[in-house]
Amino acid sequence: MRNRAYTRQVAGMAALAAMALSVGSPVAEAHEAVGVAGGFMSGFAHPLFGWDHVAAMVAVGLWGAFLGAPAIWLLPIVFPLVMAFGAALGIIGVPLPAVEIGIAFSAVLLGAMVALAARPPLVGAAAIVGLFAIFHGHAHGTELPAAANALAYAAGFVIATGLLHLIGISFGFTTRWSWGAPAVRTAGGIIALVGVGFLLKGVA
């Protein structure tokens, strides 16, 4: 009974995330096609169409689920909060060096934490996640369209980020079964390798 309840919980969360992404994506694609700047959908689309952002944000959810409570909810809260701070720095023009490298390295390190089943103290895990969130947020902020409403734009990318975390958490719940932990660690390794690709591309 317990396993069936977990199965329904994972399936429900994954379905919710998939529905939200499927609703948002066509509108985001239309935004790109017609060149209309601004607002919520522009912010919502930005993380979803950057694979480096997607990889790192899914890894945060995976790692939180792997670590269990309270990390499962703390890490996905820390990331968007600190990311919003980084976005504010980008919007007002505060420079941050090597942003793209920082984003790529976030996928490498966060994926590696999952692949290696790293269990640092909660404060250390939150600090790692928060550090990388600044780079992701700064990238979002500096790419704010000129005609965009900054608050609506920020709400869009924060919600998209939360959905990506939710996807990672949903898959991370599979660690409750014997096959789940190896699968999650394998996913972490794939994310780390993808991050290495982004990193090599960024320094090339």
C-alpha atoms as a PDB file:
ATOM      1  CA  MET A   1       0.000   0.000   0.000  1.00  0.00           C
ATOM      2  CA  ARG A   2       2.757   2.400   0.915  1.00  0.00           C
ATOM      3  CA  ASN A   3       4.592   1.796  -2.355  1.00  0.00           C
ATOM      4  CA  ARG A   4       1.382   2.379  -4.307  1.00  0.00           C
ATOM      5  CA  ALA A   5       0.870   5.671  -2.471  1.00  0.00           C
ATOM      6  CA  TYR A   6       4.402   6.789  -3.346  1.00  0.00           C
ATOM      7  CA  THR A   7       3.816   5.769  -6.954  1.00  0.00           C
ATOM      8  CA  ARG A   8       0.668   7.890  -7.149  1.00  0.00           C
ATOM      9  CA  GLN A   9       2.479  10.811  -5.515  1.00  0.00           C
ATOM     10  CA  VAL A  10       5.391  10.671  -7.956  1.00  0.00           C
ATOM     11  CA  ALA A  11       3.101  10.240 -10.948  1.00  0.00           C
ATOM     12  CA  GLY A  12       0.911  13.134  -9.864  1.00  0.00           C
ATOM     13  CA  MET A  13       3.837  15.515  -9.371  1.00  0.00           C
ATOM     14  CA  ALA A  14       5.396  14.535 -12.687  1.00  0.00           C
ATOM     15  CA  ALA A  15       2.076  14.968 -14.493  1.00  0.00           C
ATOM     16  CA  LEU A  16       1.584  18.408 -12.949  1.00  0.00           C
ATOM     17  CA  ALA A  17       5.041  19.508 -14.046  1.00  0.00           C
ATOM     18  CA  ALA A  18       4.576  18.107 -17.537  1.00  0.00           C
ATOM     19  CA  MET A  19       1.204  19.857 -17.922  1.00  0.00           C
ATOM     20  CA  ALA A  20       2.634  23.197 -16.857  1.00  0.00           C
ATOM     21  CA  LEU A  21       5.577  22.872 -19.207  1.00  0.00           C
ATOM     22  CA  SER A  22       3.390  21.794 -22.109  1.00  0.00           C
ATOM     23  CA  VAL A  23       1.093  24.784 -21.582  1.00  0.00           C
ATOM     24  CA  GLY A  24       3.974  27.221 -21.299  1.00  0.00           C
ATOM     25  CA  SER A  25       6.108  25.990 -24.159  1.00  0.00           C
ATOM     26  CA  PRO A  26       3.826  26.801 -27.142  1.00  0.00           C
ATOM     27  CA  VAL A  27       3.260  30.314 -25.831  1.00  0.00           C
ATOM     28  CA  ALA A  28       6.980  30.739 -25.299  1.00  0.00           C
ATOM     29  CA  GLU A  29       7.662  29.534 -28.826  1.00  0.00           C
ATOM     30  CA  ALA A  30       5.102  32.007 -30.153  1.00  0.00           C
ATOM     31  CA  HIS A  31       6.839  34.746 -28.205  1.00  0.00           C
ATOM     32  CA  GLU A  32      10.123  33.874 -29.844  1.00  0.00           C
ATOM     33  CA  ALA A  33       8.536  33.677 -33.282  1.00  0.00           C
ATOM     34  CA  VAL A  34       6.908  37.099 -33.278  1.00  0.00           C
ATOM     35  CA  GLY A  35       9.608  38.860 -31.288  1.00  0.00           C
ATOM     36  CA  VAL A  36       7.262  40.243 -28.627  1.00  0.00           C
ATOM     37  CA  ALA A  37       9.330  41.247 -25.604  1.00  0.00           C
ATOM     38  CA  GLY A  38       8.253  41.107 -22.087  1.00  0.00           C
ATOM     39  CA  GLY A  39       6.540  39.894 -19.081  1.00  0.00           C
ATOM     40  CA  PHE A  40       5.732  36.617 -17.504  1.00  0.00           C
ATOM     41  CA  MET A  41       6.002  34.296 -20.502  1.00  0.00           C
ATOM     42  CA  SER A  42       9.373  35.727 -21.493  1.00  0.00           C
ATOM     43  CA  GLY A  43      10.682  34.985 -18.007  1.00  0.00           C
ATOM     44  CA  PHE A  44       9.004  31.583 -17.947  1.00  0.00           C
ATOM     45  CA  ALA A  45      10.616  30.604 -21.253  1.00  0.00           C
ATOM     46  CA  HIS A  46      14.134  31.691 -20.388  1.00  0.00           C
ATOM     47  CA  PRO A  47      15.128  28.769 -18.105  1.00  0.00           C
ATOM     48  CA  LEU A  48      13.271  26.206 -20.224  1.00  0.00           C
ATOM     49  CA  PHE A  49      15.112  27.019 -23.432  1.00  0.00           C
ATOM     50  CA  GLY A  50      18.568  27.020 -21.898  1.00  0.00           C
ATOM     51  CA  TRP A  51      19.726  23.429 -21.436  1.00  0.00           C
ATOM     52  CA  ASP A  52      22.447  24.524 -19.033  1.00  0.00           C
ATOM     53  CA  HIS A  53      19.762  26.020 -16.783  1.00  0.00           C
ATOM     54  CA  VAL A  54      17.537  22.947 -17.147  1.00  0.00           C
ATOM     55  CA  ALA A  55      20.344  20.533 -16.226  1.00  0.00           C
ATOM     56  CA  ALA A  56      21.362  22.416 -13.086  1.00  0.00           C
ATOM     57  CA  MET A  57      17.817  23.023 -11.849  1.00  0.00           C
ATOM     58  CA  VAL A  58      16.765  19.408 -12.299  1.00  0.00           C
ATOM     59  CA  ALA A  59      19.952  18.421 -10.441  1.00  0.00           C
ATOM     60  CA  VAL A  60      18.930  20.598  -7.484  1.00  0.00           C
ATOM     61  CA  GLY A  61      15.635  18.710  -7.228  1.00  0.00           C
ATOM     62  CA  LEU A  62      17.363  15.356  -7.611  1.00  0.00           C
ATOM     63  CA  TRP A  63      19.904  16.170  -4.914  1.00  0.00           C
ATOM     64  CA  GLY A  64      17.255  17.447  -2.527  1.00  0.00           C
ATOM     65  CA  ALA A  65      15.181  14.289  -2.971  1.00  0.00           C
ATOM     66  CA  PHE A  66      18.284  12.133  -2.562  1.00  0.00           C
ATOM     67  CA  LEU A  67      19.234  13.900   0.690  1.00  0.00           C
ATOM     68  CA  GLY A  68      15.685  13.714   2.025  1.00  0.00           C
ATOM     69  CA  ALA A  69      13.997  16.050   4.504  1.00  0.00           C
ATOM     70  CA  PRO A  70      14.609  18.878   5.158  1.00  0.00           C
ATOM     71  CA  ALA A  71      16.863  19.281   2.081  1.00  0.00           C
ATOM     72  CA  ILE A  72      14.096  18.119  -0.257  1.00  0.00           C
ATOM     73  CA  TRP A  73      12.207  21.365   0.336  1.00  0.00           C
ATOM     74  CA  LEU A  74      15.011  23.646   1.555  1.00  0.00           C
ATOM     75  CA  LEU A  75      17.257  23.419  -1.524  1.00  0.00           C
ATOM     76  CA  PRO A  76      14.425  24.182  -4.005  1.00  0.00           C
ATOM     77  CA  ILE A  77      13.522  27.195  -1.842  1.00  0.00           C
ATOM     78  CA  VAL A  78      17.071  28.496  -1.453  1.00  0.00           C
ATOM     79  CA  PHE A  79      17.772  28.329  -5.190  1.00  0.00           C
ATOM     80  CA  PRO A  80      14.960  30.605  -6.475  1.00  0.00           C
ATOM     81  CA  LEU A  81      15.313  33.033  -3.565  1.00  0.00           C
ATOM     82  CA  VAL A  82      19.027  33.551  -4.164  1.00  0.00           C
ATOM     83  CA  MET A  83      18.451  33.433  -7.920  1.00  0.00           C
ATOM     84  CA  ALA A  84      16.073  36.394  -7.596  1.00  0.00           C
ATOM     85  CA  PHE A  85      18.857  38.298  -5.827  1.00  0.00           C
ATOM     86  CA  GLY A  86      21.267  37.451  -8.652  1.00  0.00           C
ATOM     87  CA  ALA A  87      18.658  38.579 -11.184  1.00  0.00           C
ATOM     88  CA  ALA A  88      18.332  41.917  -9.401  1.00  0.00           C
ATOM     89  CA  LEU A  89      22.105  42.371  -9.698  1.00  0.00           C
ATOM     90  CA  GLY A  90      21.880  41.654 -13.412  1.00  0.00           C
ATOM     91  CA  ILE A  91      18.937  44.011 -13.951  1.00  0.00           C
ATOM     92  CA  ILE A  92      20.682  46.968 -12.288  1.00  0.00           C
ATOM     93  CA  GLY A  93      23.891  46.247 -14.163  1.00  0.00           C
ATOM     94  CA  VAL A  94      26.172  44.936 -11.404  1.00  0.00           C
ATOM     95  CA  PRO A  95      28.857  42.905 -13.216  1.00  0.00           C
ATOM     96  CA  LEU A  96      29.543  39.280 -12.331  1.00  0.00           C
ATOM     97  CA  PRO A  97      32.549  37.604 -13.937  1.00  0.00           C
ATOM     98  CA  ALA A  98      32.389  34.284 -15.801  1.00  0.00           C
ATOM     99  CA  VAL A  99      28.616  33.885 -15.551  1.00  0.00           C
ATOM    100  CA  GLU A 100      28.327  31.287 -18.325  1.00  0.00           C
ATOM    101  CA  ILE A 101      31.211  29.274 -16.897  1.00  0.00           C
ATOM    102  CA  GLY A 102      29.578  29.429 -13.462  1.00  0.00           C
ATOM    103  CA  ILE A 103      26.299  28.137 -14.897  1.00  0.00           C
ATOM    104  CA  ALA A 104      28.037  25.301 -16.734  1.00  0.00           C
ATOM    105  CA  PHE A 105      30.069  24.382 -13.656  1.00  0.00           C
ATOM    106  CA  SER A 106      26.868  24.293 -11.593  1.00  0.00           C
ATOM    107  CA  ALA A 107      25.617  21.410 -13.739  1.00  0.00           C
ATOM    108  CA  VAL A 108      28.976  19.649 -13.347  1.00  0.00           C
ATOM    109  CA  LEU A 109      29.171  19.952  -9.577  1.00  0.00           C
ATOM    110  CA  LEU A 110      25.487  19.457  -8.761  1.00  0.00           C
ATOM    111  CA  GLY A 111      25.317  16.448 -11.072  1.00  0.00           C
ATOM    112  CA  ALA A 112      28.456  15.063  -9.458  1.00  0.00           C
ATOM    113  CA  MET A 113      26.963  15.511  -5.971  1.00  0.00           C
ATOM    114  CA  VAL A 114      24.052  13.315  -7.036  1.00  0.00           C
ATOM    115  CA  ALA A 115      26.226  10.786  -8.881  1.00  0.00           C
ATOM    116  CA  LEU A 116      28.570  10.409  -5.901  1.00  0.00           C
ATOM    117  CA  ALA A 117      25.684  10.333  -3.390  1.00  0.00           C
ATOM    118  CA  ALA A 118      27.374  13.203  -1.559  1.00  0.00           C
ATOM    119  CA  ARG A 119      25.802  14.038   1.780  1.00  0.00           C
ATOM    120  CA  PRO A 120      27.400  17.240   3.082  1.00  0.00           C
ATOM    121  CA  PRO A 121      25.891  19.100   6.057  1.00  0.00           C
ATOM    122  CA  LEU A 122      22.643  20.827   5.144  1.00  0.00           C
ATOM    123  CA  VAL A 123      24.255  24.265   5.458  1.00  0.00           C
ATOM    124  CA  GLY A 124      26.990  23.218   3.030  1.00  0.00           C
ATOM    125  CA  ALA A 125      24.490  21.860   0.493  1.00  0.00           C
ATOM    126  CA  ALA A 126      22.420  25.049   0.729  1.00  0.00           C
ATOM    127  CA  ALA A 127      25.555  27.182   0.317  1.00  0.00           C
ATOM    128  CA  ILE A 128      26.564  25.289  -2.855  1.00  0.00           C
ATOM    129  CA  VAL A 129      23.077  25.643  -4.318  1.00  0.00           C
ATOM    130  CA  GLY A 130      22.879  29.316  -3.338  1.00  0.00           C
ATOM    131  CA  LEU A 131      26.252  30.130  -4.862  1.00  0.00           C
ATOM    132  CA  PHE A 132      25.290  28.742  -8.246  1.00  0.00           C
ATOM    133  CA  ALA A 133      21.841  30.338  -8.059  1.00  0.00           C
ATOM    134  CA  ILE A 134      23.510  33.757  -8.224  1.00  0.00           C
ATOM    135  CA  PHE A 135      25.022  32.916 -11.619  1.00  0.00           C
ATOM    136  CA  HIS A 136      21.734  31.611 -12.981  1.00  0.00           C
ATOM    137  CA  GLY A 137      19.821  34.604 -11.673  1.00  0.00           C
ATOM    138  CA  HIS A 138      22.340  37.093 -13.028  1.00  0.00           C
ATOM    139  CA  ALA A 139      21.989  35.549 -16.494  1.00  0.00           C
ATOM    140  CA  HIS A 140      18.205  35.887 -16.308  1.00  0.00           C
ATOM    141  CA  GLY A 141      18.437  39.480 -15.111  1.00  0.00           C
ATOM    142  CA  THR A 142      20.873  40.696 -17.740  1.00  0.00           C
ATOM    143  CA  GLU A 143      18.680  39.210 -20.484  1.00  0.00           C
ATOM    144  CA  LEU A 144      15.542  41.017 -19.331  1.00  0.00           C
ATOM    145  CA  PRO A 145      13.853  42.314 -22.512  1.00  0.00           C
ATOM    146  CA  ALA A 146      13.765  46.099 -22.725  1.00  0.00           C
ATOM    147  CA  ALA A 147       9.951  46.231 -22.765  1.00  0.00           C
ATOM    148  CA  ALA A 148       9.436  43.609 -20.060  1.00  0.00           C
ATOM    149  CA  ASN A 149       7.779  44.135 -16.715  1.00  0.00           C
ATOM    150  CA  ALA A 150      10.589  43.152 -14.350  1.00  0.00           C
ATOM    151  CA  LEU A 151       8.308  41.709 -11.650  1.00  0.00           C
ATOM    152  CA  ALA A 152       6.283  39.632 -14.132  1.00  0.00           C
ATOM    153  CA  TYR A 153       9.484  38.479 -15.819  1.00  0.00           C
ATOM    154  CA  ALA A 154      10.961  37.453 -12.448  1.00  0.00           C
ATOM    155  CA  ALA A 155       7.766  35.611 -11.499  1.00  0.00           C
ATOM    156  CA  GLY A 156       7.967  33.701 -14.779  1.00  0.00           C
ATOM    157  CA  PHE A 157      11.516  32.442 -14.370  1.00  0.00           C
ATOM    158  CA  VAL A 158      11.027  31.642 -10.685  1.00  0.00           C
ATOM    159  CA  ILE A 159       7.951  29.502 -11.470  1.00  0.00           C
ATOM    160  CA  ALA A 160       9.728  27.765 -14.364  1.00  0.00           C
ATOM    161  CA  THR A 161      12.661  27.074 -12.047  1.00  0.00           C
ATOM    162  CA  GLY A 162      10.312  25.595  -9.448  1.00  0.00           C
ATOM    163  CA  LEU A 163       8.788  23.277 -12.048  1.00  0.00           C
ATOM    164  CA  LEU A 164      12.240  22.054 -13.080  1.00  0.00           C
ATOM    165  CA  HIS A 165      13.062  21.412  -9.423  1.00  0.00           C
ATOM    166  CA  LEU A 166       9.774  19.518  -9.154  1.00  0.00           C
ATOM    167  CA  ILE A 167      10.728  17.279 -12.073  1.00  0.00           C
ATOM    168  CA  GLY A 168      14.014  16.458 -10.336  1.00  0.00           C
ATOM    169  CA  ILE A 169      12.265  15.807  -7.026  1.00  0.00           C
ATOM    170  CA  SER A 170       9.671  13.576  -8.691  1.00  0.00           C
ATOM    171  CA  PHE A 171      12.373  11.390 -10.223  1.00  0.00           C
ATOM    172  CA  GLY A 172      14.389  11.558  -7.014  1.00  0.00           C
ATOM    173  CA  PHE A 173      11.496   9.936  -5.134  1.00  0.00           C
ATOM    174  CA  THR A 174      12.353   6.701  -6.916  1.00  0.00           C
ATOM    175  CA  THR A 175      15.204   6.261  -4.421  1.00  0.00           C
ATOM    176  CA  ARG A 176      12.561   4.721  -2.163  1.00  0.00           C
ATOM    177  CA  TRP A 177      12.884   1.563  -4.274  1.00  0.00           C
ATOM    178  CA  SER A 178      15.982  -0.584  -4.699  1.00  0.00           C
ATOM    179  CA  TRP A 179      16.426   0.346  -8.372  1.00  0.00           C
ATOM    180  CA  GLY A 180      15.821   4.041  -7.760  1.00  0.00           C
ATOM    181  CA  ALA A 181      19.093   5.080  -6.142  1.00  0.00           C
ATOM    182  CA  PRO A 182      21.292   3.737  -8.997  1.00  0.00           C
ATOM    183  CA  ALA A 183      18.958   5.365 -11.533  1.00  0.00           C
ATOM    184  CA  VAL A 184      19.112   8.738  -9.783  1.00  0.00           C
ATOM    185  CA  ARG A 185      22.889   8.546  -9.433  1.00  0.00           C
ATOM    186  CA  THR A 186      23.170   7.662 -13.119  1.00  0.00           C
ATOM    187  CA  ALA A 187      21.029  10.703 -13.965  1.00  0.00           C
ATOM    188  CA  GLY A 188      23.362  12.822 -11.852  1.00  0.00           C
ATOM    189  CA  GLY A 189      26.342  11.480 -13.757  1.00  0.00           C
ATOM    190  CA  ILE A 190      24.683  12.301 -17.082  1.00  0.00           C
ATOM    191  CA  ILE A 191      23.961  15.851 -15.884  1.00  0.00           C
ATOM    192  CA  ALA A 192      27.599  16.235 -14.809  1.00  0.00           C
ATOM    193  CA  LEU A 193      28.820  15.053 -18.220  1.00  0.00           C
ATOM    194  CA  VAL A 194      26.428  17.430 -19.973  1.00  0.00           C
ATOM    195  CA  GLY A 195      27.801  20.178 -17.757  1.00  0.00           C
ATOM    196  CA  VAL A 196      31.337  19.315 -18.804  1.00  0.00           C
ATOM    197  CA  GLY A 197      30.213  19.758 -22.399  1.00  0.00           C
ATOM    198  CA  PHE A 198      28.782  23.191 -21.596  1.00  0.00           C
ATOM    199  CA  LEU A 199      31.952  24.084 -19.708  1.00  0.00           C
ATOM    200  CA  LEU A 200      34.239  23.091 -22.607  1.00  0.00           C
ATOM    201  CA  LYS A 201      32.031  25.032 -24.982  1.00  0.00           C
ATOM    202  CA  GLY A 202      32.165  28.083 -22.738  1.00  0.00           C
ATOM    203  CA  VAL A 203      35.950  28.157 -22.459  1.00  0.00           C
ATOM    204  CA  ALA A 204      36.577  27.283 -26.111  1.00  0.00           C
END
